[in-house]
Amino acid sequence: MKKFKYQKISNTKKLRYIDNYYKKKLYLVFLPGFMSDIEGKKPQMFRRYAIKKKIGFLALEYFGHGKSSGKFTKGNISIWTNNVKFLINKIVKKNNFILIGSSMGSWLAINQFKYFKKQIKGFIGIGSAPEFLTRLMWNKFPKNIKQEILKKGITTIESGQYKYPITLQLIKDGRKNKVLSKKILLKIQVAMFHGKKDEVVPVVFSKKVLNIFKKAKKKLFIIKKGDHSLSDTKSLNLIKNQLTKIIKNIS
C-alpha cells in the first residue's frame, strides 16, 4: 500500500490523503462517506486504477475522519466541503478532474461545483446521500432522540455494527448545505450507482442527484444485489467500466 501523506491546514491541524501526482493530466478525486477513511476497498481500487491509466488521483480523510486531525463531533458538511476544496487546490491545482463521491462524499462533491465548474469533467456517485442529515436522520428521528439532541447537543445512533455520534451543530449545518434544489447546467457526464438492497440510503436519492444536472449526459445504474457500500468486486468492476467510458469521452 502506498504511503499516506499529510497536508497542514493550520498550525495544529492536518489532513491525511493519498495521491498519484501528474502535472498536466486528468485527475480522479475520490470523496469517502460519513465516518469513512481512505484505507477501504474503494479508494485503494481507484488509486490502483489511476496508476494503471497514468492519470492523477486524490483521496482524502476529512477533519475528524480516519487519521486526519480533529474531533469528529466538531466537524460538519461546511468544514468537510472546505477540506475537499483546500486539497483540490493544493494537489490537483489547475488540472481537470472527475469527482467520485461515496455516500456523503456525493454531497461534498456537489458542493465543489461552485468552486471548480471549469475543471470538473465528470461525476460518479456511489450510494449518494446528499441532505441525509435532514431527510434520513432528523426528519425520521423519534421525538425522544430529537429532544436528546436539542437538550444535550448530541446523541449516538446505532446502525448495524456502527455507532454514529450525531450533534446538533452537524444537523443545523446540514440544513445550510441544501443541494437537491440546485441546477447545474454543465454538459458533463454523470453516473449514479446504487444498490437495490441499500438499507441506508434509498435509490431515490441517486435519482434526485441526477435531476440536479439539467444538461449532463446521465445514467443511473441500480445494482440488483448491491448494498450501500458497493465495495464488492462485481460492483467495483461495473463502476470502473463506466469510469473508463467517461474518461474516453473526455479525451
Protein backbone atom coordinates (compact mmCIF):
# COMPACT_ATOMS: atom_id res chain seq x y z
CA MET A 1 0.00 0.00 0.00
CA LYS A 2 1.25 3.44 -0.88
CA LYS A 3 2.39 5.70 1.94
CA PHE A 4 -0.18 8.14 3.18
CA LYS A 5 0.66 11.83 3.16
CA TYR A 6 -0.37 14.77 5.33
CA GLN A 7 -1.22 18.32 4.37
CA LYS A 8 -1.27 21.06 7.00
CA ILE A 9 -4.46 23.12 7.07
CA SER A 10 -3.35 25.20 10.06
CA ASN A 11 -0.55 25.27 12.63
CA THR A 12 -2.14 22.45 14.58
CA LYS A 13 -4.31 20.60 12.07
CA LYS A 14 -3.53 18.35 9.11
CA LEU A 15 -5.46 16.17 6.67
CA ARG A 16 -4.35 12.69 5.61
CA TYR A 17 -4.54 11.85 1.90
CA ILE A 18 -3.20 9.62 -0.86
CA ASP A 19 -2.38 10.86 -4.33
CA ASN A 20 -0.87 9.97 -7.66
CA TYR A 21 0.67 13.17 -8.93
CA TYR A 22 0.72 14.20 -12.59
CA LYS A 23 1.40 17.76 -13.64
CA LYS A 24 -0.83 18.05 -16.70
CA LYS A 25 -3.19 15.11 -16.61
CA LEU A 26 -6.80 14.39 -15.80
CA TYR A 27 -7.36 13.54 -12.11
CA LEU A 28 -9.78 11.34 -10.21
CA VAL A 29 -10.88 12.83 -6.88
CA PHE A 30 -12.42 10.25 -4.54
CA LEU A 31 -14.53 11.52 -1.63
CA PRO A 32 -15.34 8.90 1.04
CA GLY A 33 -18.51 8.69 3.12
CA PHE A 34 -19.56 9.67 6.64
CA MET A 35 -17.00 8.42 9.20
CA SER A 36 -15.06 6.61 6.45
CA ASP A 37 -11.33 6.62 5.79
CA ILE A 38 -9.05 6.06 2.79
CA GLU A 39 -7.91 2.56 3.71
CA GLY A 40 -11.03 0.87 2.33
CA LYS A 41 -11.52 -1.05 -0.90
CA LYS A 42 -12.91 1.82 -2.96
CA PRO A 43 -10.18 4.46 -2.51
CA GLN A 44 -7.45 1.84 -2.88
CA MET A 45 -9.06 0.40 -6.02
CA PHE A 46 -9.44 3.84 -7.64
CA ARG A 47 -5.83 4.68 -6.79
CA ARG A 48 -4.61 1.48 -8.49
CA TYR A 49 -6.85 2.28 -11.46
CA ALA A 50 -5.35 5.80 -11.74
CA ILE A 51 -1.79 4.44 -11.62
CA LYS A 52 -2.61 1.89 -14.33
CA LYS A 53 -4.23 4.56 -16.54
CA LYS A 54 -1.41 7.04 -15.83
CA ILE A 55 -3.76 9.70 -14.55
CA GLY A 56 -3.74 11.77 -11.37
CA PHE A 57 -5.52 10.74 -8.19
CA LEU A 58 -6.54 12.24 -4.87
CA ALA A 59 -8.47 10.76 -1.92
CA LEU A 60 -8.63 12.37 1.50
CA GLU A 61 -9.83 11.95 5.04
CA TYR A 62 -11.84 14.94 6.19
CA PHE A 63 -11.38 16.72 9.52
CA GLY A 64 -12.18 14.24 12.33
CA HIS A 65 -12.09 11.24 9.95
CA GLY A 66 -9.50 8.45 9.81
CA LYS A 67 -6.09 9.79 10.84
CA SER A 68 -6.75 13.42 9.96
CA SER A 69 -6.69 15.97 12.79
CA GLY A 70 -9.74 16.97 14.76
CA LYS A 71 -12.60 15.51 16.72
CA PHE A 72 -15.35 14.03 14.55
CA THR A 73 -18.11 15.72 16.58
CA LYS A 74 -16.62 19.14 15.79
CA GLY A 75 -16.88 18.57 12.03
CA ASN A 76 -19.76 19.29 9.65
CA ILE A 77 -20.67 19.49 5.96
CA SER A 78 -19.28 23.04 5.58
CA ILE A 79 -15.94 22.12 7.19
CA TRP A 80 -15.61 18.89 5.17
CA THR A 81 -16.56 20.69 1.94
CA ASN A 82 -13.78 23.20 2.63
CA ASN A 83 -11.31 20.37 3.32
CA VAL A 84 -12.04 18.99 -0.15
CA LYS A 85 -11.75 22.40 -1.81
CA PHE A 86 -8.45 23.07 0.02
CA LEU A 87 -6.82 19.79 -1.06
CA ILE A 88 -8.06 20.06 -4.66
CA ASN A 89 -6.40 23.49 -4.83
CA LYS A 90 -3.18 22.10 -3.28
CA ILE A 91 -2.88 18.77 -5.15
CA VAL A 92 -4.99 18.86 -8.32
CA LYS A 93 -4.33 22.57 -8.88
CA LYS A 94 -5.48 23.66 -12.36
CA ASN A 95 -5.89 20.15 -13.77
CA ASN A 96 -9.27 18.86 -14.91
CA PHE A 97 -10.82 16.15 -12.77
CA ILE A 98 -13.64 13.64 -12.32
CA LEU A 99 -15.36 13.57 -8.92
CA ILE A 100 -16.25 10.22 -7.36
CA GLY A 101 -18.39 10.56 -4.26
CA SER A 102 -19.37 7.70 -1.97
CA SER A 103 -22.49 8.25 0.17
CA MET A 104 -21.91 11.60 1.96
CA GLY A 105 -18.97 12.10 -0.44
CA SER A 106 -21.52 12.79 -3.20
CA TRP A 107 -22.97 15.66 -1.15
CA LEU A 108 -19.49 17.15 -0.70
CA ALA A 109 -18.84 16.57 -4.42
CA ILE A 110 -21.95 18.55 -5.44
CA ASN A 111 -20.71 21.39 -3.22
CA GLN A 112 -17.47 21.54 -5.28
CA PHE A 113 -19.25 22.59 -8.47
CA LYS A 114 -19.49 26.20 -7.28
CA TYR A 115 -15.70 26.36 -6.97
CA PHE A 116 -14.38 24.24 -9.84
CA LYS A 117 -17.00 24.47 -12.61
CA LYS A 118 -14.46 24.68 -15.43
CA GLN A 119 -12.29 21.83 -14.14
CA ILE A 120 -14.93 19.19 -13.35
CA LYS A 121 -15.36 16.91 -16.37
CA GLY A 122 -17.45 14.11 -14.84
CA PHE A 123 -19.14 12.92 -11.66
CA ILE A 124 -19.77 9.41 -10.34
CA GLY A 125 -21.93 8.86 -7.26
CA ILE A 126 -21.94 5.63 -5.23
CA GLY A 127 -24.93 5.22 -2.89
CA SER A 128 -25.27 9.01 -2.96
CA ALA A 129 -26.65 10.61 0.21
CA PRO A 130 -27.00 14.38 -0.18
CA GLU A 131 -29.03 16.08 2.56
CA PHE A 132 -29.12 12.82 4.56
CA LEU A 133 -28.79 14.67 7.88
CA THR A 134 -32.24 16.22 7.45
CA ARG A 135 -34.03 13.78 5.15
CA LEU A 136 -32.80 10.46 6.56
CA MET A 137 -31.94 11.41 10.11
CA TRP A 138 -33.65 14.43 11.71
CA ASN A 139 -36.99 14.06 9.88
CA LYS A 140 -37.16 10.37 10.85
CA PHE A 141 -35.85 10.58 14.39
CA PRO A 142 -38.40 9.73 17.11
CA LYS A 143 -39.37 12.53 19.48
CA ASN A 144 -37.09 11.31 22.32
CA ILE A 145 -33.98 11.34 20.09
CA LYS A 146 -34.77 14.86 18.86
CA GLN A 147 -35.23 16.02 22.44
CA GLU A 148 -31.91 14.47 23.47
CA ILE A 149 -30.10 16.28 20.64
CA LEU A 150 -31.78 19.59 21.48
CA LYS A 151 -31.06 19.21 25.19
CA LYS A 152 -27.57 17.66 25.22
CA GLY A 153 -26.38 18.77 21.78
CA ILE A 154 -25.53 15.17 20.81
CA THR A 155 -26.88 11.63 20.51
CA THR A 156 -25.44 8.31 19.33
CA ILE A 157 -27.15 6.44 16.51
CA GLU A 158 -26.53 2.74 16.01
CA SER A 159 -26.71 1.32 12.50
CA GLY A 160 -25.61 -2.30 12.04
CA GLN A 161 -22.24 -2.64 13.76
CA TYR A 162 -21.57 1.10 13.57
CA LYS A 163 -22.17 3.86 16.09
CA TYR A 164 -22.53 7.42 14.84
CA PRO A 165 -22.35 10.45 17.14
CA ILE A 166 -24.81 13.00 15.76
CA THR A 167 -24.54 16.57 17.04
CA LEU A 168 -26.99 19.46 16.90
CA GLN A 169 -24.42 21.65 15.16
CA LEU A 170 -24.00 18.96 12.47
CA ILE A 171 -27.77 18.81 11.85
CA LYS A 172 -28.03 22.63 11.72
CA ASP A 173 -25.08 22.91 9.35
CA GLY A 174 -26.61 20.25 7.09
CA ARG A 175 -29.66 22.49 6.65
CA LYS A 176 -27.38 25.26 5.36
CA ASN A 177 -25.98 22.93 2.71
CA LYS A 178 -29.08 22.10 0.67
CA VAL A 179 -28.16 20.92 -2.81
CA LEU A 180 -31.13 18.96 -4.16
CA SER A 181 -32.95 22.08 -5.38
CA LYS A 182 -29.86 23.23 -7.29
CA LYS A 183 -29.49 23.34 -11.05
CA ILE A 184 -26.10 22.51 -12.54
CA LEU A 185 -26.02 23.23 -16.27
CA LEU A 186 -22.63 21.76 -17.19
CA LYS A 187 -22.60 19.41 -20.19
CA ILE A 188 -20.60 16.73 -18.40
CA GLN A 189 -21.06 13.00 -17.88
CA VAL A 190 -22.76 11.94 -14.66
CA ALA A 191 -23.30 8.35 -13.50
CA MET A 192 -25.02 7.23 -10.30
CA PHE A 193 -24.57 3.72 -8.87
CA HIS A 194 -26.97 2.49 -6.21
CA GLY A 195 -27.54 -0.91 -4.63
CA LYS A 196 -31.09 -2.21 -4.77
CA LYS A 197 -30.51 -3.70 -1.31
CA ASP A 198 -29.16 -0.46 0.15
CA GLU A 199 -30.68 -0.32 3.65
CA VAL A 200 -29.10 3.03 4.50
CA VAL A 201 -29.99 5.34 1.60
CA PRO A 202 -32.97 4.79 -0.74
CA VAL A 203 -32.34 4.66 -4.52
CA VAL A 204 -34.47 7.79 -4.94
CA PHE A 205 -31.52 9.85 -3.65
CA SER A 206 -29.43 8.94 -6.70
CA LYS A 207 -32.39 9.91 -8.91
CA LYS A 208 -32.63 13.25 -7.11
CA VAL A 209 -28.92 13.87 -7.75
CA LEU A 210 -29.33 13.17 -11.47
CA ASN A 211 -32.17 15.67 -11.53
CA ILE A 212 -29.77 18.47 -10.49
CA PHE A 213 -27.82 18.04 -13.73
CA LYS A 214 -30.08 19.54 -16.38
CA LYS A 215 -27.74 19.31 -19.38
CA ALA A 216 -25.49 16.40 -18.44
CA LYS A 217 -25.23 13.07 -20.19
CA LYS A 218 -26.51 10.99 -17.30
CA LYS A 219 -27.07 7.38 -16.30
CA LEU A 220 -28.44 5.52 -13.28
CA PHE A 221 -27.13 2.03 -12.53
CA ILE A 222 -29.19 0.09 -9.99
CA ILE A 223 -27.20 -2.94 -8.84
CA LYS A 224 -29.61 -5.77 -8.01
CA LYS A 225 -27.72 -7.41 -5.17
CA GLY A 226 -25.83 -4.28 -4.19
CA ASP A 227 -25.73 -2.90 -0.64
CA HIS A 228 -24.91 0.66 0.43
CA SER A 229 -21.13 0.50 0.12
CA LEU A 230 -20.92 -1.31 -3.29
CA SER A 231 -17.40 -2.48 -2.34
CA ASP A 232 -17.79 -5.99 -3.76
CA THR A 233 -15.71 -6.90 -6.81
CA LYS A 234 -18.67 -7.09 -9.23
CA SER A 235 -19.95 -3.62 -8.30
CA LEU A 236 -16.47 -2.09 -8.41
CA ASN A 237 -15.89 -3.56 -11.87
CA LEU A 238 -19.14 -2.02 -13.13
CA ILE A 239 -18.10 1.36 -11.75
CA LYS A 240 -14.62 1.03 -13.27
CA ASN A 241 -16.06 0.18 -16.69
CA GLN A 242 -18.26 3.27 -16.63
CA LEU A 243 -15.35 5.40 -15.45
CA THR A 244 -13.28 4.17 -18.40
CA LYS A 245 -16.08 5.21 -20.79
CA ILE A 246 -16.30 8.66 -19.17
CA ILE A 247 -12.53 9.15 -19.47
CA LYS A 248 -12.59 8.07 -23.14
CA ASN A 249 -15.32 10.57 -23.91
CA ILE A 250 -13.35 13.37 -22.22
CA SER A 251 -10.15 12.73 -24.12
